[in-house]
Amino acid sequence: MVDLFTQMGAGQWLRYLAGALELAGAVGMLLPRLPGLAALGLAGLLAGATATNLLVIDQGPWLPLGLLPVSALVAWACWPQTKTLAGTRRR
């Protein structure tokens, strides 16, 4: 992964950021109130990974493209809970 991120020209800070976001998403999926929000964040991360695989590094996007619908499905299933959580934070 170090070589891959160097090849992309993004620097190692992006590798650390992506890893931290993935870890935060995994922890959020385990917490009772946050699975929808975490799945939404992971879906965004996977969409970015798919675009990067296609447009920047010319690799097959099959892994992120396969996980993207799963994250989107979890986010959709938990949408009422996420909407309620967002409403309580707004007040």
N, C-alpha and C. Protein backbone atom coordinates (compact mmCIF):
# COMPACT_ATOMS: atom_id res chain seq x y z
N MET A 1 0.81 -1.20 0.00
CA MET A 1 0.00 0.00 0.00
C MET A 1 0.86 1.26 0.00
N VAL A 2 2.02 1.17 0.63
CA VAL A 2 2.90 2.34 0.63
C VAL A 2 3.30 2.68 -0.81
N ASP A 3 3.67 1.66 -1.57
CA ASP A 3 4.05 1.89 -2.97
C ASP A 3 2.87 2.38 -3.80
N LEU A 4 1.69 1.85 -3.54
CA LEU A 4 0.50 2.25 -4.30
C LEU A 4 0.18 3.72 -4.07
N PHE A 5 0.20 4.17 -2.83
CA PHE A 5 -0.11 5.57 -2.55
C PHE A 5 1.01 6.49 -3.05
N THR A 6 2.25 6.00 -3.06
CA THR A 6 3.34 6.78 -3.64
C THR A 6 3.16 6.90 -5.14
N GLN A 7 2.75 5.80 -5.78
CA GLN A 7 2.50 5.80 -7.22
C GLN A 7 1.39 6.77 -7.59
N MET A 8 0.37 6.88 -6.75
CA MET A 8 -0.73 7.80 -7.02
C MET A 8 -0.30 9.25 -6.86
N GLY A 9 0.76 9.48 -6.12
CA GLY A 9 1.23 10.84 -5.89
C GLY A 9 0.45 11.55 -4.81
N ALA A 10 -0.31 10.81 -4.01
CA ALA A 10 -1.14 11.42 -2.99
C ALA A 10 -0.40 11.62 -1.68
N GLY A 11 0.66 10.88 -1.47
CA GLY A 11 1.37 10.98 -0.21
C GLY A 11 0.82 10.00 0.81
N GLN A 12 1.59 9.77 1.83
CA GLN A 12 1.20 8.79 2.84
C GLN A 12 0.14 9.31 3.79
N TRP A 13 -0.06 10.62 3.84
CA TRP A 13 -1.11 11.16 4.70
C TRP A 13 -2.48 10.64 4.27
N LEU A 14 -2.68 10.44 2.96
CA LEU A 14 -3.97 9.93 2.48
C LEU A 14 -4.17 8.48 2.88
N ARG A 15 -3.10 7.72 2.93
CA ARG A 15 -3.19 6.32 3.37
C ARG A 15 -3.62 6.26 4.83
N TYR A 16 -3.03 7.11 5.64
CA TYR A 16 -3.41 7.16 7.05
C TYR A 16 -4.85 7.65 7.23
N LEU A 17 -5.24 8.64 6.45
CA LEU A 17 -6.60 9.15 6.53
C LEU A 17 -7.62 8.09 6.13
N ALA A 18 -7.36 7.39 5.03
CA ALA A 18 -8.27 6.34 4.57
C ALA A 18 -8.37 5.23 5.61
N GLY A 19 -7.25 4.85 6.19
CA GLY A 19 -7.27 3.81 7.23
C GLY A 19 -8.04 4.25 8.46
N ALA A 20 -7.86 5.50 8.87
CA ALA A 20 -8.58 6.01 10.04
C ALA A 20 -10.08 6.08 9.77
N LEU A 21 -10.47 6.49 8.56
CA LEU A 21 -11.90 6.54 8.21
C LEU A 21 -12.50 5.14 8.15
N GLU A 22 -11.76 4.18 7.63
CA GLU A 22 -12.25 2.80 7.61
C GLU A 22 -12.42 2.25 9.02
N LEU A 23 -11.46 2.54 9.88
CA LEU A 23 -11.55 2.09 11.27
C LEU A 23 -12.71 2.75 11.99
N ALA A 24 -12.89 4.05 11.78
CA ALA A 24 -14.02 4.75 12.40
C ALA A 24 -15.35 4.19 11.90
N GLY A 25 -15.42 3.86 10.61
CA GLY A 25 -16.63 3.27 10.06
C GLY A 25 -16.92 1.90 10.66
N ALA A 26 -15.88 1.10 10.85
CA ALA A 26 -16.06 -0.23 11.46
C ALA A 26 -16.54 -0.12 12.90
N VAL A 27 -15.96 0.80 13.65
CA VAL A 27 -16.38 1.00 15.04
C VAL A 27 -17.81 1.54 15.08
N GLY A 28 -18.13 2.47 14.18
CA GLY A 28 -19.48 3.03 14.12
C GLY A 28 -20.53 1.99 13.79
N MET A 29 -20.16 1.00 12.98
CA MET A 29 -21.12 -0.07 12.64
C MET A 29 -21.44 -0.93 13.86
N LEU A 30 -20.55 -0.96 14.84
CA LEU A 30 -20.76 -1.78 16.03
C LEU A 30 -21.52 -1.05 17.13
N LEU A 31 -21.55 0.26 17.08
CA LEU A 31 -22.24 1.03 18.11
C LEU A 31 -23.73 1.09 17.80
N PRO A 32 -24.58 0.96 18.81
CA PRO A 32 -26.02 0.84 18.57
C PRO A 32 -26.68 2.01 17.85
N ARG A 33 -26.22 3.22 18.06
CA ARG A 33 -26.89 4.39 17.46
C ARG A 33 -26.28 4.85 16.15
N LEU A 34 -25.14 4.31 15.75
CA LEU A 34 -24.41 4.87 14.61
C LEU A 34 -24.27 4.01 13.36
N PRO A 35 -24.90 2.87 13.23
CA PRO A 35 -24.61 2.06 12.03
C PRO A 35 -25.01 2.73 10.72
N GLY A 36 -26.10 3.47 10.71
CA GLY A 36 -26.52 4.13 9.48
C GLY A 36 -25.57 5.22 9.05
N LEU A 37 -25.14 6.02 10.00
CA LEU A 37 -24.19 7.09 9.72
C LEU A 37 -22.83 6.52 9.29
N ALA A 38 -22.40 5.46 9.98
CA ALA A 38 -21.13 4.82 9.63
C ALA A 38 -21.21 4.20 8.24
N ALA A 39 -22.32 3.55 7.92
CA ALA A 39 -22.48 2.94 6.60
C ALA A 39 -22.52 4.01 5.51
N LEU A 40 -23.12 5.14 5.81
CA LEU A 40 -23.14 6.24 4.85
C LEU A 40 -21.72 6.77 4.58
N GLY A 41 -20.95 6.90 5.63
CA GLY A 41 -19.56 7.33 5.48
C GLY A 41 -18.72 6.30 4.72
N LEU A 42 -18.93 5.02 5.03
CA LEU A 42 -18.20 3.98 4.32
C LEU A 42 -18.60 3.91 2.85
N ALA A 43 -19.87 4.17 2.56
CA ALA A 43 -20.31 4.18 1.17
C ALA A 43 -19.61 5.30 0.40
N GLY A 44 -19.46 6.45 1.02
CA GLY A 44 -18.72 7.54 0.39
C GLY A 44 -17.26 7.20 0.18
N LEU A 45 -16.66 6.55 1.16
CA LEU A 45 -15.28 6.13 1.05
C LEU A 45 -15.11 5.09 -0.07
N LEU A 46 -16.05 4.17 -0.17
CA LEU A 46 -16.00 3.15 -1.22
C LEU A 46 -16.23 3.74 -2.61
N ALA A 47 -17.08 4.74 -2.69
CA ALA A 47 -17.28 5.42 -3.97
C ALA A 47 -15.99 6.10 -4.41
N GLY A 48 -15.30 6.72 -3.47
CA GLY A 48 -14.01 7.33 -3.78
C GLY A 48 -12.96 6.30 -4.17
N ALA A 49 -12.97 5.16 -3.50
CA ALA A 49 -12.02 4.09 -3.85
C ALA A 49 -12.31 3.53 -5.23
N THR A 50 -13.59 3.40 -5.58
CA THR A 50 -13.95 2.93 -6.91
C THR A 50 -13.47 3.90 -7.98
N ALA A 51 -13.72 5.17 -7.76
CA ALA A 51 -13.27 6.19 -8.73
C ALA A 51 -11.75 6.21 -8.84
N THR A 52 -11.07 6.07 -7.72
CA THR A 52 -9.61 6.06 -7.74
C THR A 52 -9.09 4.86 -8.51
N ASN A 53 -9.68 3.69 -8.27
CA ASN A 53 -9.26 2.49 -8.99
C ASN A 53 -9.47 2.64 -10.49
N LEU A 54 -10.56 3.23 -10.88
CA LEU A 54 -10.86 3.38 -12.30
C LEU A 54 -10.04 4.47 -12.98
N LEU A 55 -9.95 5.64 -12.34
CA LEU A 55 -9.41 6.81 -13.01
C LEU A 55 -7.94 7.10 -12.74
N VAL A 56 -7.44 6.65 -11.60
CA VAL A 56 -6.08 7.04 -11.23
C VAL A 56 -5.08 5.89 -11.39
N ILE A 57 -5.41 4.72 -10.85
CA ILE A 57 -4.42 3.64 -10.85
C ILE A 57 -4.72 2.55 -11.87
N ASP A 58 -5.78 2.69 -12.64
CA ASP A 58 -6.13 1.74 -13.71
C ASP A 58 -6.16 0.30 -13.24
N GLN A 59 -6.84 0.06 -12.13
CA GLN A 59 -7.04 -1.30 -11.63
C GLN A 59 -8.52 -1.60 -11.64
N GLY A 60 -8.84 -2.87 -11.51
CA GLY A 60 -10.24 -3.26 -11.43
C GLY A 60 -10.87 -2.79 -10.14
N PRO A 61 -12.05 -2.23 -10.20
CA PRO A 61 -12.69 -1.69 -9.00
C PRO A 61 -13.59 -2.71 -8.30
N TRP A 62 -13.33 -3.98 -8.47
CA TRP A 62 -14.31 -5.00 -8.08
C TRP A 62 -14.55 -5.07 -6.58
N LEU A 63 -13.53 -4.96 -5.76
CA LEU A 63 -13.75 -5.05 -4.31
C LEU A 63 -14.56 -3.86 -3.78
N PRO A 64 -14.15 -2.61 -4.03
CA PRO A 64 -14.98 -1.52 -3.52
C PRO A 64 -16.35 -1.46 -4.18
N LEU A 65 -16.42 -1.86 -5.44
CA LEU A 65 -17.70 -1.85 -6.14
C LEU A 65 -18.63 -2.93 -5.60
N GLY A 66 -18.06 -4.02 -5.11
CA GLY A 66 -18.87 -5.07 -4.50
C GLY A 66 -19.35 -4.71 -3.10
N LEU A 67 -18.54 -3.97 -2.36
CA LEU A 67 -18.91 -3.59 -0.99
C LEU A 67 -19.79 -2.35 -0.94
N LEU A 68 -19.78 -1.55 -1.98
CA LEU A 68 -20.58 -0.33 -2.02
C LEU A 68 -22.07 -0.60 -1.86
N PRO A 69 -22.67 -1.55 -2.58
CA PRO A 69 -24.11 -1.80 -2.38
C PRO A 69 -24.44 -2.31 -0.98
N VAL A 70 -23.52 -3.04 -0.37
CA VAL A 70 -23.76 -3.52 0.99
C VAL A 70 -23.83 -2.35 1.96
N SER A 71 -22.87 -1.44 1.85
CA SER A 71 -22.88 -0.25 2.71
C SER A 71 -24.11 0.61 2.44
N ALA A 72 -24.47 0.77 1.17
CA ALA A 72 -25.65 1.57 0.83
C ALA A 72 -26.92 0.92 1.37
N LEU A 73 -26.99 -0.40 1.34
CA LEU A 73 -28.16 -1.11 1.86
C LEU A 73 -28.29 -0.93 3.37
N VAL A 74 -27.18 -1.01 4.08
CA VAL A 74 -27.20 -0.80 5.53
C VAL A 74 -27.59 0.65 5.85
N ALA A 75 -27.04 1.59 5.09
CA ALA A 75 -27.38 3.01 5.30
C ALA A 75 -28.86 3.24 5.04
N TRP A 76 -29.40 2.63 4.00
CA TRP A 76 -30.83 2.78 3.68
C TRP A 76 -31.71 2.13 4.74
N ALA A 77 -31.30 0.95 5.23
CA ALA A 77 -32.09 0.26 6.25
C ALA A 77 -32.11 1.02 7.57
N CYS A 78 -31.05 1.72 7.86
CA CYS A 78 -30.94 2.46 9.12
C CYS A 78 -31.30 3.93 8.97
N TRP A 79 -31.84 4.32 7.82
CA TRP A 79 -32.11 5.74 7.57
C TRP A 79 -33.02 6.39 8.61
N PRO A 80 -34.13 5.75 9.03
CA PRO A 80 -34.97 6.41 10.05
C PRO A 80 -34.21 6.71 11.34
N GLN A 81 -33.37 5.79 11.76
CA GLN A 81 -32.57 5.99 12.97
C GLN A 81 -31.54 7.11 12.75
N THR A 82 -30.93 7.16 11.59
CA THR A 82 -29.96 8.20 11.28
C THR A 82 -30.63 9.56 11.20
N LYS A 83 -31.82 9.60 10.60
CA LYS A 83 -32.56 10.86 10.50
C LYS A 83 -32.95 11.37 11.88
N THR A 84 -33.35 10.47 12.76
CA THR A 84 -33.69 10.85 14.13
C THR A 84 -32.46 11.37 14.86
N LEU A 85 -31.32 10.69 14.68
CA LEU A 85 -30.09 11.11 15.30
C LEU A 85 -29.67 12.50 14.82
N ALA A 86 -29.81 12.76 13.54
CA ALA A 86 -29.47 14.07 12.99
C ALA A 86 -30.42 15.15 13.51
N GLY A 87 -31.69 14.80 13.70
CA GLY A 87 -32.66 15.75 14.23
C GLY A 87 -32.40 16.13 15.68
N THR A 88 -31.92 15.17 16.48
CA THR A 88 -31.64 15.48 17.87
C THR A 88 -30.37 16.30 18.01
N ARG A 89 -29.46 16.19 17.09
CA ARG A 89 -28.21 16.96 17.15
C ARG A 89 -28.42 18.39 16.69
N ARG A 90 -29.44 18.62 15.89
CA ARG A 90 -29.67 19.94 15.32
C ARG A 90 -30.24 20.92 16.35
N ARG A 91 -30.92 20.44 17.34
CA ARG A 91 -31.59 21.31 18.32
C ARG A 91 -30.66 22.01 19.24
